[in-house]
N, C-alpha and C. Protein backbone atom coordinates (compact mmCIF):
# COMPACT_ATOMS: atom_id res chain seq x y z
N MET A 1 119.45 83.10 95.41
CA MET A 1 118.50 83.87 96.21
C MET A 1 118.81 83.60 97.68
N GLU A 2 118.87 84.63 98.45
CA GLU A 2 119.17 84.51 99.88
C GLU A 2 117.86 84.48 100.67
N HIS A 3 117.72 83.48 101.52
CA HIS A 3 116.53 83.34 102.33
C HIS A 3 116.85 83.74 103.77
N PRO A 4 115.95 84.49 104.43
CA PRO A 4 116.20 84.88 105.83
C PRO A 4 116.22 83.66 106.76
N GLU A 5 115.62 82.55 106.35
CA GLU A 5 115.61 81.36 107.19
C GLU A 5 116.99 80.74 107.30
N ASN A 6 117.91 81.07 106.42
CA ASN A 6 119.27 80.54 106.47
C ASN A 6 120.15 81.32 107.44
N ASP A 7 119.60 82.29 108.14
CA ASP A 7 120.35 83.07 109.12
C ASP A 7 120.75 82.18 110.30
N SER A 8 121.81 82.57 111.01
CA SER A 8 122.33 81.74 112.11
C SER A 8 121.36 81.65 113.28
N LYS A 9 120.42 82.56 113.43
CA LYS A 9 119.46 82.47 114.54
C LYS A 9 118.40 81.39 114.32
N TYR A 10 118.31 80.85 113.12
CA TYR A 10 117.40 79.74 112.81
C TYR A 10 118.21 78.46 112.66
N LEU A 11 118.84 77.99 113.72
CA LEU A 11 119.68 76.79 113.65
C LEU A 11 118.82 75.58 113.30
N GLY A 12 119.33 74.75 112.44
CA GLY A 12 118.62 73.53 112.05
C GLY A 12 117.62 73.74 110.94
N LEU A 13 117.41 74.96 110.51
CA LEU A 13 116.45 75.24 109.44
C LEU A 13 117.21 75.80 108.24
N THR A 14 117.10 75.12 107.13
CA THR A 14 117.71 75.62 105.91
C THR A 14 116.70 75.51 104.78
N VAL A 15 116.79 76.40 103.84
CA VAL A 15 115.93 76.39 102.67
C VAL A 15 116.75 75.87 101.51
N ASN A 16 116.29 74.79 100.93
CA ASN A 16 116.99 74.20 99.79
C ASN A 16 116.75 75.04 98.55
N SER A 17 117.68 74.93 97.61
CA SER A 17 117.59 75.74 96.41
C SER A 17 116.53 75.26 95.44
N GLY A 18 116.12 73.99 95.53
CA GLY A 18 115.09 73.49 94.64
C GLY A 18 115.65 72.54 93.61
N VAL A 19 114.87 72.23 92.63
CA VAL A 19 115.28 71.29 91.60
C VAL A 19 115.50 72.03 90.28
N VAL A 20 116.25 71.41 89.42
CA VAL A 20 116.53 71.98 88.10
C VAL A 20 115.27 71.85 87.24
N GLN A 21 114.95 72.89 86.53
CA GLN A 21 113.78 72.89 85.65
C GLN A 21 113.98 71.89 84.52
N PRO A 22 113.07 70.93 84.34
CA PRO A 22 113.22 69.99 83.24
C PRO A 22 113.01 70.68 81.89
N PRO A 23 113.53 70.11 80.81
CA PRO A 23 113.34 70.74 79.51
C PRO A 23 111.87 70.74 79.11
N SER A 24 111.45 71.75 78.40
CA SER A 24 110.05 71.87 78.02
C SER A 24 109.72 71.01 76.80
N VAL A 25 110.74 70.50 76.11
CA VAL A 25 110.55 69.66 74.95
C VAL A 25 111.00 68.26 75.30
N ASN A 26 110.23 67.26 74.92
CA ASN A 26 110.57 65.87 75.21
C ASN A 26 111.86 65.50 74.48
N PRO A 27 112.94 65.15 75.21
CA PRO A 27 114.19 64.81 74.54
C PRO A 27 114.11 63.46 73.81
N TYR A 28 113.12 62.64 74.11
CA TYR A 28 112.99 61.33 73.48
C TYR A 28 112.08 61.37 72.26
N LEU A 29 111.60 62.54 71.91
CA LEU A 29 110.72 62.67 70.76
C LEU A 29 111.50 62.38 69.48
N ARG A 30 110.98 61.46 68.71
CA ARG A 30 111.61 61.16 67.42
C ARG A 30 110.71 61.71 66.33
N ARG A 31 111.27 62.57 65.55
CA ARG A 31 110.50 63.20 64.49
C ARG A 31 110.60 62.34 63.24
N GLY A 32 109.48 61.81 62.84
CA GLY A 32 109.46 60.97 61.65
C GLY A 32 109.09 61.75 60.42
N ARG A 33 109.30 61.12 59.31
CA ARG A 33 108.92 61.77 58.06
C ARG A 33 107.44 61.57 57.83
N ARG A 34 106.80 62.59 57.36
CA ARG A 34 105.37 62.49 57.06
C ARG A 34 105.18 61.89 55.69
N LYS A 35 104.12 61.12 55.58
CA LYS A 35 103.76 60.56 54.29
C LYS A 35 103.29 61.70 53.40
N PRO A 36 103.71 61.74 52.16
CA PRO A 36 103.24 62.82 51.29
C PRO A 36 101.74 62.68 51.02
N LEU A 37 101.07 63.79 50.93
CA LEU A 37 99.64 63.77 50.65
C LEU A 37 99.40 63.33 49.20
N PRO A 38 98.34 62.57 48.98
CA PRO A 38 98.07 62.13 47.60
C PRO A 38 97.61 63.31 46.74
N GLU A 39 97.88 63.18 45.48
CA GLU A 39 97.45 64.20 44.52
C GLU A 39 95.93 64.11 44.35
N ALA A 40 95.33 65.17 43.86
CA ALA A 40 93.88 65.20 43.65
C ALA A 40 93.45 64.12 42.66
N SER A 41 94.24 63.91 41.63
CA SER A 41 93.89 62.90 40.63
C SER A 41 93.91 61.49 41.24
N GLU A 42 94.83 61.23 42.17
CA GLU A 42 94.87 59.94 42.84
C GLU A 42 93.64 59.74 43.71
N LEU A 43 93.19 60.79 44.36
CA LEU A 43 91.99 60.70 45.19
C LEU A 43 90.75 60.40 44.35
N VAL A 44 90.65 61.08 43.22
CA VAL A 44 89.50 60.86 42.33
C VAL A 44 89.54 59.44 41.80
N GLU A 45 90.72 58.98 41.41
CA GLU A 45 90.86 57.63 40.88
C GLU A 45 90.51 56.59 41.95
N ALA A 46 90.93 56.78 43.16
CA ALA A 46 90.64 55.84 44.23
C ALA A 46 89.15 55.83 44.58
N SER A 47 88.51 56.97 44.54
CA SER A 47 87.08 57.01 44.86
C SER A 47 86.25 56.38 43.73
N SER A 48 86.73 56.49 42.50
CA SER A 48 85.98 55.87 41.40
C SER A 48 86.14 54.35 41.42
N ARG A 49 87.27 53.85 41.91
CA ARG A 49 87.46 52.40 42.02
C ARG A 49 86.63 51.82 43.17
N ALA A 50 86.36 52.60 44.21
CA ALA A 50 85.64 52.10 45.38
C ALA A 50 84.16 51.90 45.10
N THR A 51 83.61 52.56 44.09
CA THR A 51 82.17 52.40 43.83
C THR A 51 81.90 51.40 42.75
């Protein structure tokens, strides 16, 4: 992009191009495996043992 401030009549004034856009996704994100959900029968069995 050309800025009019970079013209020779504006000596000593320059417009910098800016910074690089960082990635939108965290590069350090580690995707772990999810624990499998218990079966319905396991839930019923666990709730009957708790009482």
